[in-house]
Amino acid sequence: FVHVTHDQEEAMTMADTVAVMNAGRIEQLGSP
């Protein structure tokens, strides 16, 4: 499952791994 969201709680509740994006790039990737 690849889930796109702007909701931080939503991403942290469901995802094994989160990639935080900003201005077309990944700022950081890891577990919630």
All heavy atoms as atom14 arrays in JSON, in Angstrom:
{
  "sequence": "FVHVTHDQEEAMTMADTVAVMNAGRIEQLGSP",
  "atom14_mask": [
    [1, 1, 1, 1, 1, 1, 1, 1, 1, 1, 1, 0, 0, 0],
    [1, 1, 1, 1, 1, 1, 1, 0, 0, 0, 0, 0, 0, 0],
    [1, 1, 1, 1, 1, 1, 1, 1, 1, 1, 0, 0, 0, 0],
    [1, 1, 1, 1, 1, 1, 1, 0, 0, 0, 0, 0, 0, 0],
    [1, 1, 1, 1, 1, 1, 1, 0, 0, 0, 0, 0, 0, 0],
    [1, 1, 1, 1, 1, 1, 1, 1, 1, 1, 0, 0, 0, 0],
    [1, 1, 1, 1, 1, 1, 1, 1, 0, 0, 0, 0, 0, 0],
    [1, 1, 1, 1, 1, 1, 1, 1, 1, 0, 0, 0, 0, 0],
    [1, 1, 1, 1, 1, 1, 1, 1, 1, 0, 0, 0, 0, 0],
    [1, 1, 1, 1, 1, 1, 1, 1, 1, 0, 0, 0, 0, 0],
    [1, 1, 1, 1, 1, 0, 0, 0, 0, 0, 0, 0, 0, 0],
    [1, 1, 1, 1, 1, 1, 1, 1, 0, 0, 0, 0, 0, 0],
    [1, 1, 1, 1, 1, 1, 1, 0, 0, 0, 0, 0, 0, 0],
    [1, 1, 1, 1, 1, 1, 1, 1, 0, 0, 0, 0, 0, 0],
    [1, 1, 1, 1, 1, 0, 0, 0, 0, 0, 0, 0, 0, 0],
    [1, 1, 1, 1, 1, 1, 1, 1, 0, 0, 0, 0, 0, 0],
    [1, 1, 1, 1, 1, 1, 1, 0, 0, 0, 0, 0, 0, 0],
    [1, 1, 1, 1, 1, 1, 1, 0, 0, 0, 0, 0, 0, 0],
    [1, 1, 1, 1, 1, 0, 0, 0, 0, 0, 0, 0, 0, 0],
    [1, 1, 1, 1, 1, 1, 1, 0, 0, 0, 0, 0, 0, 0],
    [1, 1, 1, 1, 1, 1, 1, 1, 0, 0, 0, 0, 0, 0],
    [1, 1, 1, 1, 1, 1, 1, 1, 0, 0, 0, 0, 0, 0],
    [1, 1, 1, 1, 1, 0, 0, 0, 0, 0, 0, 0, 0, 0],
    [1, 1, 1, 1, 0, 0, 0, 0, 0, 0, 0, 0, 0, 0],
    [1, 1, 1, 1, 1, 1, 1, 1, 1, 1, 1, 0, 0, 0],
    [1, 1, 1, 1, 1, 1, 1, 1, 0, 0, 0, 0, 0, 0],
    [1, 1, 1, 1, 1, 1, 1, 1, 1, 0, 0, 0, 0, 0],
    [1, 1, 1, 1, 1, 1, 1, 1, 1, 0, 0, 0, 0, 0],
    [1, 1, 1, 1, 1, 1, 1, 1, 0, 0, 0, 0, 0, 0],
    [1, 1, 1, 1, 0, 0, 0, 0, 0, 0, 0, 0, 0, 0],
    [1, 1, 1, 1, 1, 1, 0, 0, 0, 0, 0, 0, 0, 0],
    [1, 1, 1, 1, 1, 1, 1, 0, 0, 0, 0, 0, 0, 0]
  ],
  "atom14_positions": [
    [[0.86, -1.18, 0.0], [0.0, 0.0, 0.0], [0.9, 1.23, 0.0], [1.81, 1.34, 0.84], [-0.89, 0.05, 1.25], [-2.14, -0.78, 1.18], [-2.21, -1.92, 0.4], [-3.26, -0.44, 1.93], [-3.36, -2.7, 0.36], [-4.41, -1.19, 1.9], [-4.47, -2.33, 1.11], [0.0, 0.0, 0.0], [0.0, 0.0, 0.0], [0.0, 0.0, 0.0]],
    [[0.67, 2.16, -0.93], [1.36, 3.44, -0.93], [0.3, 4.52, -0.71], [-0.58, 4.72, -1.56], [2.12, 3.7, -2.24], [2.82, 5.06, -2.19], [3.14, 2.59, -2.49], [0.0, 0.0, 0.0], [0.0, 0.0, 0.0], [0.0, 0.0, 0.0], [0.0, 0.0, 0.0], [0.0, 0.0, 0.0], [0.0, 0.0, 0.0], [0.0, 0.0, 0.0]],
    [[0.39, 5.18, 0.41], [-0.65, 6.09, 0.87], [-0.13, 7.53, 0.84], [0.88, 7.84, 1.47], [-1.05, 5.68, 2.3], [-2.11, 6.53, 2.92], [-2.22, 6.71, 4.27], [-3.1, 7.26, 2.36], [-3.25, 7.5, 4.52], [-3.79, 7.85, 3.38], [0.0, 0.0, 0.0], [0.0, 0.0, 0.0], [0.0, 0.0, 0.0], [0.0, 0.0, 0.0]],
    [[-0.81, 8.38, 0.11], [-0.45, 9.8, 0.03], [-1.38, 10.6, 0.93], [-2.6, 10.46, 0.85], [-0.55, 10.3, -1.43], [-0.6, 11.82, -1.48], [0.62, 9.79, -2.25], [0.0, 0.0, 0.0], [0.0, 0.0, 0.0], [0.0, 0.0, 0.0], [0.0, 0.0, 0.0], [0.0, 0.0, 0.0], [0.0, 0.0, 0.0], [0.0, 0.0, 0.0]],
    [[-0.8, 11.43, 1.8], [-1.61, 12.21, 2.72], [-0.86, 13.44, 3.19], [0.38, 13.47, 3.18], [-2.05, 11.37, 3.93], [-2.89, 12.14, 4.79], [-0.84, 10.88, 4.73], [0.0, 0.0, 0.0], [0.0, 0.0, 0.0], [0.0, 0.0, 0.0], [0.0, 0.0, 0.0], [0.0, 0.0, 0.0], [0.0, 0.0, 0.0], [0.0, 0.0, 0.0]],
    [[-1.61, 14.45, 3.63], [-1.02, 15.61, 4.3], [-1.26, 15.52, 5.8], [-0.79, 16.37, 6.56], [-1.63, 16.92, 3.77], [-3.07, 17.08, 4.14], [-4.08, 16.5, 3.4], [-3.67, 17.73, 5.16], [-5.25, 16.79, 3.97], [-5.03, 17.53, 5.04], [0.0, 0.0, 0.0], [0.0, 0.0, 0.0], [0.0, 0.0, 0.0], [0.0, 0.0, 0.0]],
    [[-1.99, 14.49, 6.24], [-2.38, 14.33, 7.63], [-1.33, 13.51, 8.38], [-1.17, 12.31, 8.16], [-3.75, 13.63, 7.69], [-4.34, 13.58, 9.09], [-3.64, 13.16, 10.02], [-5.52, 13.96, 9.25], [0.0, 0.0, 0.0], [0.0, 0.0, 0.0], [0.0, 0.0, 0.0], [0.0, 0.0, 0.0], [0.0, 0.0, 0.0], [0.0, 0.0, 0.0]],
    [[-0.62, 14.18, 9.31], [0.47, 13.51, 10.02], [-0.01, 12.34, 10.86], [0.61, 11.26, 10.87], [1.2, 14.53, 10.94], [1.74, 15.73, 10.21], [0.79, 16.92, 10.25], [-0.42, 16.77, 10.13], [1.35, 18.1, 10.42], [0.0, 0.0, 0.0], [0.0, 0.0, 0.0], [0.0, 0.0, 0.0], [0.0, 0.0, 0.0], [0.0, 0.0, 0.0]],
    [[-1.13, 12.52, 11.56], [-1.65, 11.44, 12.39], [-2.02, 10.23, 11.55], [-1.78, 9.09, 11.94], [-2.86, 11.93, 13.19], [-3.47, 10.85, 14.07], [-4.75, 11.3, 14.75], [-4.67, 12.27, 15.54], [-5.81, 10.7, 14.49], [0.0, 0.0, 0.0], [0.0, 0.0, 0.0], [0.0, 0.0, 0.0], [0.0, 0.0, 0.0], [0.0, 0.0, 0.0]],
    [[-2.61, 10.49, 10.39], [-3.01, 9.41, 9.5], [-1.8, 8.59, 9.06], [-1.81, 7.36, 9.08], [-3.7, 10.03, 8.29], [-4.48, 9.07, 7.43], [-5.32, 9.85, 6.42], [-6.3, 10.52, 6.82], [-4.97, 9.81, 5.23], [0.0, 0.0, 0.0], [0.0, 0.0, 0.0], [0.0, 0.0, 0.0], [0.0, 0.0, 0.0], [0.0, 0.0, 0.0]],
    [[-0.73, 9.28, 8.66], [0.48, 8.58, 8.22], [1.11, 7.79, 9.36], [1.51, 6.63, 9.18], [1.49, 9.59, 7.67], [0.0, 0.0, 0.0], [0.0, 0.0, 0.0], [0.0, 0.0, 0.0], [0.0, 0.0, 0.0], [0.0, 0.0, 0.0], [0.0, 0.0, 0.0], [0.0, 0.0, 0.0], [0.0, 0.0, 0.0], [0.0, 0.0, 0.0]],
    [[1.19, 8.38, 10.54], [1.84, 7.72, 11.66], [1.04, 6.55, 12.19], [1.6, 5.56, 12.67], [2.12, 8.73, 12.76], [3.13, 9.81, 12.36], [3.39, 11.04, 13.64], [4.28, 10.08, 14.86], [0.0, 0.0, 0.0], [0.0, 0.0, 0.0], [0.0, 0.0, 0.0], [0.0, 0.0, 0.0], [0.0, 0.0, 0.0], [0.0, 0.0, 0.0]],
    [[-0.29, 6.63, 12.1], [-1.14, 5.56, 12.61], [-1.05, 4.3, 11.74], [-1.02, 3.18, 12.26], [-2.61, 6.03, 12.65], [-2.72, 7.14, 13.54], [-3.54, 4.92, 13.12], [0.0, 0.0, 0.0], [0.0, 0.0, 0.0], [0.0, 0.0, 0.0], [0.0, 0.0, 0.0], [0.0, 0.0, 0.0], [0.0, 0.0, 0.0], [0.0, 0.0, 0.0]],
    [[-0.98, 4.49, 10.42], [-1.11, 3.34, 9.53], [0.2, 2.82, 8.96], [0.35, 1.61, 8.73], [-2.04, 3.71, 8.36], [-3.46, 3.98, 8.79], [-4.6, 4.12, 7.38], [-4.04, 5.66, 6.66], [0.0, 0.0, 0.0], [0.0, 0.0, 0.0], [0.0, 0.0, 0.0], [0.0, 0.0, 0.0], [0.0, 0.0, 0.0], [0.0, 0.0, 0.0]],
    [[1.16, 3.69, 8.68], [2.3, 3.3, 7.86], [3.41, 2.61, 8.66], [3.67, 2.95, 9.81], [2.87, 4.53, 7.16], [0.0, 0.0, 0.0], [0.0, 0.0, 0.0], [0.0, 0.0, 0.0], [0.0, 0.0, 0.0], [0.0, 0.0, 0.0], [0.0, 0.0, 0.0], [0.0, 0.0, 0.0], [0.0, 0.0, 0.0], [0.0, 0.0, 0.0]],
    [[4.05, 1.64, 8.01], [5.28, 1.06, 8.54], [6.44, 2.04, 8.35], [7.31, 2.17, 9.21], [5.63, -0.25, 7.82], [4.48, -1.23, 7.82], [3.89, -1.44, 8.89], [4.16, -1.77, 6.74], [0.0, 0.0, 0.0], [0.0, 0.0, 0.0], [0.0, 0.0, 0.0], [0.0, 0.0, 0.0], [0.0, 0.0, 0.0], [0.0, 0.0, 0.0]],
    [[6.45, 2.68, 7.19], [7.5, 3.63, 6.82], [6.85, 4.89, 6.26], [5.89, 4.81, 5.5], [8.45, 3.03, 5.77], [8.97, 1.79, 6.26], [9.6, 3.98, 5.46], [0.0, 0.0, 0.0], [0.0, 0.0, 0.0], [0.0, 0.0, 0.0], [0.0, 0.0, 0.0], [0.0, 0.0, 0.0], [0.0, 0.0, 0.0], [0.0, 0.0, 0.0]],
    [[7.4, 6.04, 6.65], [6.89, 7.33, 6.18], [8.02, 8.09, 5.49], [9.14, 8.16, 6.02], [6.35, 8.18, 7.35], [5.86, 9.54, 6.85], [5.23, 7.44, 8.08], [0.0, 0.0, 0.0], [0.0, 0.0, 0.0], [0.0, 0.0, 0.0], [0.0, 0.0, 0.0], [0.0, 0.0, 0.0], [0.0, 0.0, 0.0], [0.0, 0.0, 0.0]],
    [[7.73, 8.63, 4.31], [8.66, 9.54, 3.64], [8.05, 10.93, 3.69], [6.95, 11.16, 3.16], [8.89, 9.11, 2.19], [0.0, 0.0, 0.0], [0.0, 0.0, 0.0], [0.0, 0.0, 0.0], [0.0, 0.0, 0.0], [0.0, 0.0, 0.0], [0.0, 0.0, 0.0], [0.0, 0.0, 0.0], [0.0, 0.0, 0.0], [0.0, 0.0, 0.0]],
    [[8.73, 11.87, 4.34], [8.24, 13.25, 4.42], [8.79, 14.01, 3.22], [10.01, 14.1, 3.03], [8.7, 13.92, 5.74], [8.18, 15.37, 5.79], [8.19, 13.14, 6.94], [0.0, 0.0, 0.0], [0.0, 0.0, 0.0], [0.0, 0.0, 0.0], [0.0, 0.0, 0.0], [0.0, 0.0, 0.0], [0.0, 0.0, 0.0], [0.0, 0.0, 0.0]],
    [[7.87, 14.55, 2.4], [8.25, 15.26, 1.19], [8.11, 16.77, 1.37], [7.22, 17.25, 2.07], [7.42, 14.8, 0.0], [7.72, 13.41, -0.48], [6.99, 13.06, -2.12], [8.0, 14.09, -3.2], [0.0, 0.0, 0.0], [0.0, 0.0, 0.0], [0.0, 0.0, 0.0], [0.0, 0.0, 0.0], [0.0, 0.0, 0.0], [0.0, 0.0, 0.0]],
    [[9.0, 17.5, 0.71], [8.97, 18.96, 0.72], [9.61, 19.46, -0.56], [10.74, 19.08, -0.88], [9.72, 19.5, 1.94], [9.76, 21.01, 2.0], [8.81, 21.68, 1.57], [10.84, 21.56, 2.51], [0.0, 0.0, 0.0], [0.0, 0.0, 0.0], [0.0, 0.0, 0.0], [0.0, 0.0, 0.0], [0.0, 0.0, 0.0], [0.0, 0.0, 0.0]],
    [[8.88, 20.27, -1.31], [9.4, 20.9, -2.53], [9.97, 19.87, -3.5], [11.03, 20.07, -4.1], [10.46, 21.94, -2.18], [0.0, 0.0, 0.0], [0.0, 0.0, 0.0], [0.0, 0.0, 0.0], [0.0, 0.0, 0.0], [0.0, 0.0, 0.0], [0.0, 0.0, 0.0], [0.0, 0.0, 0.0], [0.0, 0.0, 0.0], [0.0, 0.0, 0.0]],
    [[9.27, 18.74, -3.66], [9.65, 17.75, -4.65], [10.73, 16.79, -4.23], [11.13, 15.92, -5.02], [0.0, 0.0, 0.0], [0.0, 0.0, 0.0], [0.0, 0.0, 0.0], [0.0, 0.0, 0.0], [0.0, 0.0, 0.0], [0.0, 0.0, 0.0], [0.0, 0.0, 0.0], [0.0, 0.0, 0.0], [0.0, 0.0, 0.0], [0.0, 0.0, 0.0]],
    [[11.2, 16.9, -3.01], [12.26, 16.01, -2.51], [11.85, 15.38, -1.19], [10.95, 15.88, -0.51], [13.57, 16.8, -2.3], [14.22, 17.28, -3.6], [15.48, 18.1, -3.29], [16.2, 18.46, -4.49], [17.18, 17.75, -5.02], [17.57, 16.63, -4.43], [17.79, 18.14, -6.11], [0.0, 0.0, 0.0], [0.0, 0.0, 0.0], [0.0, 0.0, 0.0]],
    [[12.54, 14.3, -0.83], [12.29, 13.65, 0.45], [13.2, 14.28, 1.51], [14.42, 14.25, 1.39], [12.51, 12.14, 0.36], [11.44, 11.51, -0.53], [12.48, 11.5, 1.75], [11.59, 10.03, -0.73], [0.0, 0.0, 0.0], [0.0, 0.0, 0.0], [0.0, 0.0, 0.0], [0.0, 0.0, 0.0], [0.0, 0.0, 0.0], [0.0, 0.0, 0.0]],
    [[12.58, 14.84, 2.55], [13.33, 15.42, 3.65], [13.9, 14.34, 4.56], [15.03, 14.43, 5.02], [12.43, 16.34, 4.47], [12.03, 17.62, 3.79], [12.96, 18.78, 4.14], [13.62, 18.73, 5.19], [13.02, 19.73, 3.34], [0.0, 0.0, 0.0], [0.0, 0.0, 0.0], [0.0, 0.0, 0.0], [0.0, 0.0, 0.0], [0.0, 0.0, 0.0]],
    [[13.08, 13.31, 4.84], [13.52, 12.23, 5.73], [12.61, 11.04, 5.53], [11.41, 11.19, 5.25], [13.49, 12.69, 7.18], [14.12, 11.71, 8.17], [14.16, 12.25, 9.6], [13.78, 13.39, 9.84], [14.61, 11.44, 10.53], [0.0, 0.0, 0.0], [0.0, 0.0, 0.0], [0.0, 0.0, 0.0], [0.0, 0.0, 0.0], [0.0, 0.0, 0.0]],
    [[13.16, 9.86, 5.68], [12.42, 8.61, 5.52], [12.74, 7.7, 6.7], [13.91, 7.55, 7.08], [12.79, 7.94, 4.2], [12.06, 6.66, 3.79], [11.99, 6.56, 2.27], [12.77, 5.41, 4.33], [0.0, 0.0, 0.0], [0.0, 0.0, 0.0], [0.0, 0.0, 0.0], [0.0, 0.0, 0.0], [0.0, 0.0, 0.0], [0.0, 0.0, 0.0]],
    [[11.72, 7.1, 7.28], [11.94, 6.18, 8.39], [10.63, 5.74, 9.0], [9.55, 6.03, 8.48], [0.0, 0.0, 0.0], [0.0, 0.0, 0.0], [0.0, 0.0, 0.0], [0.0, 0.0, 0.0], [0.0, 0.0, 0.0], [0.0, 0.0, 0.0], [0.0, 0.0, 0.0], [0.0, 0.0, 0.0], [0.0, 0.0, 0.0], [0.0, 0.0, 0.0]],
    [[10.71, 5.04, 10.12], [9.51, 4.64, 10.84], [8.87, 5.88, 11.46], [9.55, 6.9, 11.69], [9.85, 3.64, 11.94], [10.61, 4.28, 12.97], [0.0, 0.0, 0.0], [0.0, 0.0, 0.0], [0.0, 0.0, 0.0], [0.0, 0.0, 0.0], [0.0, 0.0, 0.0], [0.0, 0.0, 0.0], [0.0, 0.0, 0.0], [0.0, 0.0, 0.0]],
    [[7.56, 5.83, 11.75], [6.93, 6.98, 12.41], [7.65, 7.4, 13.69], [7.84, 8.59, 13.94], [5.51, 6.48, 12.69], [5.25, 5.49, 11.6], [6.58, 4.79, 11.39], [0.0, 0.0, 0.0], [0.0, 0.0, 0.0], [0.0, 0.0, 0.0], [0.0, 0.0, 0.0], [0.0, 0.0, 0.0], [0.0, 0.0, 0.0], [0.0, 0.0, 0.0]]
  ]
}
